[in-house]
Amino acid sequence: MRTGKIIEIHCQCGFLLFRYFKAGKGRLIKCLIPRLSEDFVGLKGAATASKPRCPSCDKELGIIQMVHGEPALKLNQGTIRGIRI
């Protein structure tokens, strides 16, 4: 795997959603489910086309879709705190 770092993804309300291995630079648009190191929402094992929500404030985080043959969470940019590497 490429070089990168593990970052924490927080909801706008401040709840820690998951820790993710981010490879490359730029904004976080989608999160590949196999790259999650810790999951506090329950994304691992979630069905495709499901829309997970924040356990604290009940905002919709995005939608789970297949991207390059792997399940990924395509994020709603307004529900997470801005992260850019």
PDB file of N, CA and C in Angstrom:
ATOM      1  N   MET A   1       0.842  -1.177   0.000  1.00  0.00           N
ATOM      2  CA  MET A   1       0.000   0.000   0.000  1.00  0.00           C
ATOM      3  C   MET A   1       0.887   1.239   0.000  1.00  0.00           C
ATOM      4  N   ARG A   2       0.374   2.293  -0.536  1.00  0.00           N
ATOM      5  CA  ARG A   2       1.118   3.545  -0.613  1.00  0.00           C
ATOM      6  C   ARG A   2       1.316   4.144   0.773  1.00  0.00           C
ATOM      7  N   THR A   3       2.177   5.140   0.813  1.00  0.00           N
ATOM      8  CA  THR A   3       2.376   5.838   2.075  1.00  0.00           C
ATOM      9  C   THR A   3       1.172   6.721   2.339  1.00  0.00           C
ATOM     10  N   GLY A   4       0.915   6.966   3.562  1.00  0.00           N
ATOM     11  CA  GLY A   4      -0.210   7.789   3.967  1.00  0.00           C
ATOM     12  C   GLY A   4      -0.229   7.884   5.467  1.00  0.00           C
ATOM     13  N   LYS A   5      -1.352   8.291   6.014  1.00  0.00           N
ATOM     14  CA  LYS A   5      -1.470   8.356   7.462  1.00  0.00           C
ATOM     15  C   LYS A   5      -2.889   8.081   7.901  1.00  0.00           C
ATOM     16  N   ILE A   6      -3.017   7.733   9.157  1.00  0.00           N
ATOM     17  CA  ILE A   6      -4.329   7.465   9.728  1.00  0.00           C
ATOM     18  C   ILE A   6      -4.874   8.772  10.286  1.00  0.00           C
ATOM     19  N   ILE A   7      -6.075   9.130   9.841  1.00  0.00           N
ATOM     20  CA  ILE A   7      -6.708  10.358  10.294  1.00  0.00           C
ATOM     21  C   ILE A   7      -8.019  10.034  10.995  1.00  0.00           C
ATOM     22  N   GLU A   8      -8.436  10.926  11.880  1.00  0.00           N
ATOM     23  CA  GLU A   8      -9.709  10.767  12.590  1.00  0.00           C
ATOM     24  C   GLU A   8     -10.771  11.588  11.874  1.00  0.00           C
ATOM     25  N   ILE A   9     -11.920  10.973  11.642  1.00  0.00           N
ATOM     26  CA  ILE A   9     -13.037  11.636  10.981  1.00  0.00           C
ATOM     27  C   ILE A   9     -14.102  11.917  12.033  1.00  0.00           C
ATOM     28  N   HIS A  10     -14.442  13.194  12.196  1.00  0.00           N
ATOM     29  CA  HIS A  10     -15.428  13.625  13.183  1.00  0.00           C
ATOM     30  C   HIS A  10     -16.651  14.189  12.469  1.00  0.00           C
ATOM     31  N   CYS A  11     -17.803  14.024  13.085  1.00  0.00           N
ATOM     32  CA  CYS A  11     -19.040  14.648  12.622  1.00  0.00           C
ATOM     33  C   CYS A  11     -18.987  16.135  12.986  1.00  0.00           C
ATOM     34  N   GLN A  12     -19.892  16.925  12.430  1.00  0.00           N
ATOM     35  CA  GLN A  12     -19.960  18.341  12.787  1.00  0.00           C
ATOM     36  C   GLN A  12     -20.281  18.535  14.266  1.00  0.00           C
ATOM     37  N   CYS A  13     -20.976  17.564  14.870  1.00  0.00           N
ATOM     38  CA  CYS A  13     -21.328  17.668  16.285  1.00  0.00           C
ATOM     39  C   CYS A  13     -20.150  17.314  17.190  1.00  0.00           C
ATOM     40  N   GLY A  14     -19.061  16.765  16.619  1.00  0.00           N
ATOM     41  CA  GLY A  14     -17.876  16.431  17.395  1.00  0.00           C
ATOM     42  C   GLY A  14     -17.699  14.959  17.698  1.00  0.00           C
ATOM     43  N   PHE A  15     -18.642  14.114  17.311  1.00  0.00           N
ATOM     44  CA  PHE A  15     -18.570  12.676  17.568  1.00  0.00           C
ATOM     45  C   PHE A  15     -17.517  12.044  16.658  1.00  0.00           C
ATOM     46  N   LEU A  16     -16.646  11.187  17.214  1.00  0.00           N
ATOM     47  CA  LEU A  16     -15.637  10.485  16.424  1.00  0.00           C
ATOM     48  C   LEU A  16     -16.317   9.351  15.668  1.00  0.00           C
ATOM     49  N   LEU A  17     -16.322   9.436  14.339  1.00  0.00           N
ATOM     50  CA  LEU A  17     -17.001   8.449  13.509  1.00  0.00           C
ATOM     51  C   LEU A  17     -16.124   7.240  13.221  1.00  0.00           C
ATOM     52  N   PHE A  18     -14.907   7.474  12.732  1.00  0.00           N
ATOM     53  CA  PHE A  18     -13.989   6.380  12.436  1.00  0.00           C
ATOM     54  C   PHE A  18     -12.584   6.923  12.230  1.00  0.00           C
ATOM     55  N   ARG A  19     -11.626   6.007  12.235  1.00  0.00           N
ATOM     56  CA  ARG A  19     -10.243   6.323  11.885  1.00  0.00           C
ATOM     57  C   ARG A  19      -9.984   5.683  10.532  1.00  0.00           C
ATOM     58  N   TYR A  20      -9.358   6.444   9.623  1.00  0.00           N
ATOM     59  CA  TYR A  20      -9.232   6.042   8.224  1.00  0.00           C
ATOM     60  C   TYR A  20      -7.804   6.224   7.749  1.00  0.00           C
ATOM     61  N   PHE A  21      -7.301   5.250   6.962  1.00  0.00           N
ATOM     62  CA  PHE A  21      -5.982   5.362   6.352  1.00  0.00           C
ATOM     63  C   PHE A  21      -6.118   6.178   5.079  1.00  0.00           C
ATOM     64  N   LYS A  22      -5.615   7.408   5.099  1.00  0.00           N
ATOM     65  CA  LYS A  22      -5.699   8.321   3.950  1.00  0.00           C
ATOM     66  C   LYS A  22      -4.405   8.253   3.169  1.00  0.00           C
ATOM     67  N   ALA A  23      -4.481   7.838   1.918  1.00  0.00           N
ATOM     68  CA  ALA A  23      -3.328   7.797   1.021  1.00  0.00           C
ATOM     69  C   ALA A  23      -3.459   8.941   0.027  1.00  0.00           C
ATOM     70  N   GLY A  24      -2.418   9.673  -0.174  1.00  0.00           N
ATOM     71  CA  GLY A  24      -2.442  10.769  -1.131  1.00  0.00           C
ATOM     72  C   GLY A  24      -2.820  12.086  -0.495  1.00  0.00           C
ATOM     73  N   LYS A  25      -2.894  13.099  -1.341  1.00  0.00           N
ATOM     74  CA  LYS A  25      -3.192  14.454  -0.878  1.00  0.00           C
ATOM     75  C   LYS A  25      -4.599  14.854  -1.305  1.00  0.00           C
ATOM     76  N   GLY A  26      -5.074  15.937  -0.735  1.00  0.00           N
ATOM     77  CA  GLY A  26      -6.349  16.492  -1.144  1.00  0.00           C
ATOM     78  C   GLY A  26      -7.469  16.213  -0.156  1.00  0.00           C
ATOM     79  N   ARG A  27      -8.671  16.613  -0.562  1.00  0.00           N
ATOM     80  CA  ARG A  27      -9.853  16.458   0.284  1.00  0.00           C
ATOM     81  C   ARG A  27     -10.277  15.011   0.376  1.00  0.00           C
ATOM     82  N   LEU A  28     -11.034  14.722   1.415  1.00  0.00           N
ATOM     83  CA  LEU A  28     -11.585  13.385   1.608  1.00  0.00           C
ATOM     84  C   LEU A  28     -12.971  13.354   0.966  1.00  0.00           C
ATOM     85  N   ILE A  29     -13.106  12.650  -0.154  1.00  0.00           N
ATOM     86  CA  ILE A  29     -14.355  12.577  -0.896  1.00  0.00           C
ATOM     87  C   ILE A  29     -15.075  11.267  -0.596  1.00  0.00           C
ATOM     88  N   LYS A  30     -14.312  10.163  -0.613  1.00  0.00           N
ATOM     89  CA  LYS A  30     -14.886   8.849  -0.340  1.00  0.00           C
ATOM     90  C   LYS A  30     -13.932   8.075   0.556  1.00  0.00           C
ATOM     91  N   CYS A  31     -14.489   7.193   1.353  1.00  0.00           N
ATOM     92  CA  CYS A  31     -13.706   6.360   2.265  1.00  0.00           C
ATOM     93  C   CYS A  31     -13.927   4.910   1.882  1.00  0.00           C
ATOM     94  N   LEU A  32     -12.864   4.237   1.459  1.00  0.00           N
ATOM     95  CA  LEU A  32     -12.961   2.817   1.145  1.00  0.00           C
ATOM     96  C   LEU A  32     -13.083   2.043   2.459  1.00  0.00           C
ATOM     97  N   ILE A  33     -14.087   1.201   2.555  1.00  0.00           N
ATOM     98  CA  ILE A  33     -14.382   0.478   3.790  1.00  0.00           C
ATOM     99  C   ILE A  33     -13.208  -0.399   4.253  1.00  0.00           C
ATOM    100  N   PRO A  34     -12.475  -1.100   3.352  1.00  0.00           N
ATOM    101  CA  PRO A  34     -11.346  -1.907   3.837  1.00  0.00           C
ATOM    102  C   PRO A  34     -10.216  -1.093   4.479  1.00  0.00           C
ATOM    103  N   ARG A  35     -10.146   0.201   4.223  1.00  0.00           N
ATOM    104  CA  ARG A  35      -9.094   1.042   4.805  1.00  0.00           C
ATOM    105  C   ARG A  35      -9.440   1.585   6.181  1.00  0.00           C
ATOM    106  N   LEU A  36     -10.619   1.305   6.699  1.00  0.00           N
ATOM    107  CA  LEU A  36     -10.984   1.769   8.041  1.00  0.00           C
ATOM    108  C   LEU A  36     -10.177   1.000   9.077  1.00  0.00           C
ATOM    109  N   SER A  37      -9.519   1.724   9.978  1.00  0.00           N
ATOM    110  CA  SER A  37      -8.771   1.037  11.029  1.00  0.00           C
ATOM    111  C   SER A  37      -9.658   0.831  12.259  1.00  0.00           C
ATOM    112  N   GLU A  38     -10.494   1.809  12.586  1.00  0.00           N
ATOM    113  CA  GLU A  38     -11.465   1.674  13.679  1.00  0.00           C
ATOM    114  C   GLU A  38     -12.781   2.260  13.197  1.00  0.00           C
ATOM    115  N   ASP A  39     -13.869   1.571  13.505  1.00  0.00           N
ATOM    116  CA  ASP A  39     -15.190   1.965  13.024  1.00  0.00           C
ATOM    117  C   ASP A  39     -16.130   2.088  14.220  1.00  0.00           C
ATOM    118  N   PHE A  40     -16.630   3.308  14.477  1.00  0.00           N
ATOM    119  CA  PHE A  40     -17.539   3.537  15.603  1.00  0.00           C
ATOM    120  C   PHE A  40     -18.984   3.721  15.146  1.00  0.00           C
ATOM    121  N   VAL A  41     -19.237   3.604  13.835  1.00  0.00           N
ATOM    122  CA  VAL A  41     -20.571   3.815  13.279  1.00  0.00           C
ATOM    123  C   VAL A  41     -21.206   2.501  12.832  1.00  0.00           C
ATOM    124  N   GLY A  42     -20.383   1.537  12.434  1.00  0.00           N
ATOM    125  CA  GLY A  42     -20.899   0.271  11.937  1.00  0.00           C
ATOM    126  C   GLY A  42     -20.895   0.198  10.425  1.00  0.00           C
ATOM    127  N   LEU A  43     -19.894   0.795   9.791  1.00  0.00           N
ATOM    128  CA  LEU A  43     -19.820   0.780   8.330  1.00  0.00           C
ATOM    129  C   LEU A  43     -19.380  -0.572   7.794  1.00  0.00           C
ATOM    130  N   LYS A  44     -18.530  -1.282   8.536  1.00  0.00           N
ATOM    131  CA  LYS A  44     -18.072  -2.595   8.080  1.00  0.00           C
ATOM    132  C   LYS A  44     -19.263  -3.556   8.134  1.00  0.00           C
ATOM    133  N   GLY A  45     -19.549  -4.166   7.005  1.00  0.00           N
ATOM    134  CA  GLY A  45     -20.676  -5.083   6.935  1.00  0.00           C
ATOM    135  C   GLY A  45     -21.987  -4.427   6.567  1.00  0.00           C
ATOM    136  N   ALA A  46     -21.995  -3.114   6.322  1.00  0.00           N
ATOM    137  CA  ALA A  46     -23.229  -2.432   5.930  1.00  0.00           C
ATOM    138  C   ALA A  46     -23.550  -2.753   4.471  1.00  0.00           C
ATOM    139  N   ALA A  47     -24.811  -2.757   4.138  1.00  0.00           N
ATOM    140  CA  ALA A  47     -25.259  -3.100   2.791  1.00  0.00           C
ATOM    141  C   ALA A  47     -24.981  -1.966   1.808  1.00  0.00           C
ATOM    142  N   THR A  48     -24.791  -2.328   0.548  1.00  0.00           N
ATOM    143  CA  THR A  48     -24.621  -1.328  -0.503  1.00  0.00           C
ATOM    144  C   THR A  48     -25.910  -0.526  -0.633  1.00  0.00           C
ATOM    145  N   ALA A  49     -25.787   0.754  -0.916  1.00  0.00           N
ATOM    146  CA  ALA A  49     -26.891   1.718  -1.049  1.00  0.00           C
ATOM    147  C   ALA A  49     -27.519   2.088   0.294  1.00  0.00           C
ATOM    148  N   SER A  50     -26.927   1.666   1.402  1.00  0.00           N
ATOM    149  CA  SER A  50     -27.435   2.114   2.699  1.00  0.00           C
ATOM    150  C   SER A  50     -26.869   3.496   3.002  1.00  0.00           C
ATOM    151  N   LYS A  51     -27.555   4.228   3.859  1.00  0.00           N
ATOM    152  CA  LYS A  51     -27.156   5.586   4.202  1.00  0.00           C
ATOM    153  C   LYS A  51     -26.915   5.660   5.708  1.00  0.00           C
ATOM    154  N   PRO A  52     -25.671   5.452   6.144  1.00  0.00           N
ATOM    155  CA  PRO A  52     -25.384   5.473   7.580  1.00  0.00           C
ATOM    156  C   PRO A  52     -25.570   6.855   8.175  1.00  0.00           C
ATOM    157  N   ARG A  53     -25.867   6.873   9.474  1.00  0.00           N
ATOM    158  CA  ARG A  53     -26.122   8.131  10.186  1.00  0.00           C
ATOM    159  C   ARG A  53     -25.212   8.242  11.396  1.00  0.00           C
ATOM    160  N   CYS A  54     -24.983   9.471  11.825  1.00  0.00           N
ATOM    161  CA  CYS A  54     -24.199   9.729  13.026  1.00  0.00           C
ATOM    162  C   CYS A  54     -25.001   9.255  14.240  1.00  0.00           C
ATOM    163  N   PRO A  55     -24.401   8.461  15.121  1.00  0.00           N
ATOM    164  CA  PRO A  55     -25.137   7.991  16.300  1.00  0.00           C
ATOM    165  C   PRO A  55     -25.502   9.108  17.277  1.00  0.00           C
ATOM    166  N   SER A  56     -24.775  10.203  17.239  1.00  0.00           N
ATOM    167  CA  SER A  56     -25.005  11.284  18.187  1.00  0.00           C
ATOM    168  C   SER A  56     -26.108  12.250  17.727  1.00  0.00           C
ATOM    169  N   CYS A  57     -25.961  12.794  16.501  1.00  0.00           N
ATOM    170  CA  CYS A  57     -26.904  13.827  16.048  1.00  0.00           C
ATOM    171  C   CYS A  57     -27.856  13.348  14.950  1.00  0.00           C
ATOM    172  N   ASP A  58     -27.696  12.113  14.468  1.00  0.00           N
ATOM    173  CA  ASP A  58     -28.567  11.483  13.473  1.00  0.00           C
ATOM    174  C   ASP A  58     -28.512  12.150  12.091  1.00  0.00           C
ATOM    175  N   LYS A  59     -27.385  12.815  11.762  1.00  0.00           N
ATOM    176  CA  LYS A  59     -27.214  13.357  10.410  1.00  0.00           C
ATOM    177  C   LYS A  59     -26.768  12.240   9.475  1.00  0.00           C
ATOM    178  N   GLU A  60     -27.182  12.323   8.220  1.00  0.00           N
ATOM    179  CA  GLU A  60     -26.799  11.331   7.219  1.00  0.00           C
ATOM    180  C   GLU A  60     -25.362  11.597   6.770  1.00  0.00           C
ATOM    181  N   LEU A  61     -24.505  10.575   6.854  1.00  0.00           N
ATOM    182  CA  LEU A  61     -23.086  10.732   6.533  1.00  0.00           C
ATOM    183  C   LEU A  61     -22.805  10.637   5.044  1.00  0.00           C
ATOM    184  N   GLY A  62     -23.572   9.872   4.310  1.00  0.00           N
ATOM    185  CA  GLY A  62     -23.347   9.662   2.877  1.00  0.00           C
ATOM    186  C   GLY A  62     -24.057   8.402   2.432  1.00  0.00           C
ATOM    187  N   ILE A  63     -23.532   7.787   1.369  1.00  0.00           N
ATOM    188  CA  ILE A  63     -24.124   6.569   0.843  1.00  0.00           C
ATOM    189  C   ILE A  63     -23.003   5.573   0.552  1.00  0.00           C
ATOM    190  N   ILE A  64     -23.282   4.303   0.798  1.00  0.00           N
ATOM    191  CA  ILE A  64     -22.304   3.255   0.526  1.00  0.00           C
ATOM    192  C   ILE A  64     -22.513   2.757  -0.898  1.00  0.00           C
ATOM    193  N   GLN A  65     -21.438   2.848  -1.708  1.00  0.00           N
ATOM    194  CA  GLN A  65     -21.479   2.434  -3.103  1.00  0.00           C
ATOM    195  C   GLN A  65     -20.248   1.597  -3.410  1.00  0.00           C
ATOM    196  N   MET A  66     -20.292   0.893  -4.537  1.00  0.00           N
ATOM    197  CA  MET A  66     -19.125   0.148  -5.001  1.00  0.00           C
ATOM    198  C   MET A  66     -18.265   1.088  -5.848  1.00  0.00           C
ATOM    199  N   VAL A  67     -16.984   1.215  -5.474  1.00  0.00           N
ATOM    200  CA  VAL A  67     -16.040   2.056  -6.194  1.00  0.00           C
ATOM    201  C   VAL A  67     -14.824   1.198  -6.517  1.00  0.00           C
ATOM    202  N   HIS A  68     -14.552   0.982  -7.788  1.00  0.00           N
ATOM    203  CA  HIS A  68     -13.436   0.149  -8.245  1.00  0.00           C
ATOM    204  C   HIS A  68     -13.500  -1.249  -7.634  1.00  0.00           C
ATOM    205  N   GLY A  69     -14.687  -1.797  -7.504  1.00  0.00           N
ATOM    206  CA  GLY A  69     -14.865  -3.151  -6.998  1.00  0.00           C
ATOM    207  C   GLY A  69     -14.814  -3.292  -5.496  1.00  0.00           C
ATOM    208  N   GLU A  70     -14.728  -2.194  -4.753  1.00  0.00           N
ATOM    209  CA  GLU A  70     -14.689  -2.229  -3.291  1.00  0.00           C
ATOM    210  C   GLU A  70     -15.810  -1.347  -2.738  1.00  0.00           C
ATOM    211  N   PRO A  71     -16.386  -1.706  -1.593  1.00  0.00           N
ATOM    212  CA  PRO A  71     -17.393  -0.834  -0.995  1.00  0.00           C
ATOM    213  C   PRO A  71     -16.745   0.431  -0.437  1.00  0.00           C
ATOM    214  N   ALA A  72     -17.403   1.545  -0.637  1.00  0.00           N
ATOM    215  CA  ALA A  72     -16.876   2.827  -0.181  1.00  0.00           C
ATOM    216  C   ALA A  72     -18.021   3.711   0.294  1.00  0.00           C
ATOM    217  N   LEU A  73     -17.731   4.579   1.255  1.00  0.00           N
ATOM    218  CA  LEU A  73     -18.692   5.567   1.739  1.00  0.00           C
ATOM    219  C   LEU A  73     -18.423   6.869   1.007  1.00  0.00           C
ATOM    220  N   LYS A  74     -19.353   7.297   0.153  1.00  0.00           N
ATOM    221  CA  LYS A  74     -19.236   8.597  -0.502  1.00  0.00           C
ATOM    222  C   LYS A  74     -19.836   9.619   0.455  1.00  0.00           C
ATOM    223  N   LEU A  75     -19.009  10.520   0.934  1.00  0.00           N
ATOM    224  CA  LEU A  75     -19.363  11.405   2.039  1.00  0.00           C
ATOM    225  C   LEU A  75     -20.202  12.594   1.603  1.00  0.00           C
ATOM    226  N   ASN A  76     -21.144  12.977   2.455  1.00  0.00           N
ATOM    227  CA  ASN A  76     -21.807  14.268   2.342  1.00  0.00           C
ATOM    228  C   ASN A  76     -20.860  15.274   2.988  1.00  0.00           C
ATOM    229  N   GLN A  77     -20.390  16.244   2.239  1.00  0.00           N
ATOM    230  CA  GLN A  77     -19.351  17.139   2.731  1.00  0.00           C
ATOM    231  C   GLN A  77     -19.827  18.032   3.878  1.00  0.00           C
ATOM    232  N   GLY A  78     -21.104  18.259   4.011  1.00  0.00           N
ATOM    233  CA  GLY A  78     -21.605  19.124   5.070  1.00  0.00           C
ATOM    234  C   GLY A  78     -21.729  18.451   6.423  1.00  0.00           C
ATOM    235  N   THR A  79     -21.569  17.132   6.483  1.00  0.00           N
ATOM    236  CA  THR A  79     -21.782  16.442   7.753  1.00  0.00           C
ATOM    237  C   THR A  79     -20.495  16.124   8.498  1.00  0.00           C
ATOM    238  N   ILE A  80     -19.334  16.193   7.834  1.00  0.00           N
ATOM    239  CA  ILE A  80     -18.082  15.921   8.534  1.00  0.00           C
ATOM    240  C   ILE A  80     -17.270  17.203   8.641  1.00  0.00           C
ATOM    241  N   ARG A  81     -16.384  17.234   9.616  1.00  0.00           N
ATOM    242  CA  ARG A  81     -15.481  18.372   9.741  1.00  0.00           C
ATOM    243  C   ARG A  81     -14.485  18.338   8.603  1.00  0.00           C
ATOM    244  N   GLY A  82     -14.145  19.501   8.085  1.00  0.00           N
ATOM    245  CA  GLY A  82     -13.253  19.593   6.939  1.00  0.00           C
ATOM    246  C   GLY A  82     -11.888  18.990   7.209  1.00  0.00           C
ATOM    247  N   ILE A  83     -11.459  18.096   6.338  1.00  0.00           N
ATOM    248  CA  ILE A  83     -10.156  17.444   6.447  1.00  0.00           C
ATOM    249  C   ILE A  83      -9.476  17.569   5.106  1.00  0.00           C
ATOM    250  N   ARG A  84      -8.247  18.052   5.128  1.00  0.00           N
ATOM    251  CA  ARG A  84      -7.471  18.170   3.892  1.00  0.00           C
ATOM    252  C   ARG A  84      -6.017  17.905   4.220  1.00  0.00           C
ATOM    253  N   ILE A  85      -5.410  17.045   3.434  1.00  0.00           N
ATOM    254  CA  ILE A  85      -4.004  16.717   3.655  1.00  0.00           C
ATOM    255  C   ILE A  85      -3.203  17.164   2.454  1.00  0.00           C
TER     256      ILE A  85
END
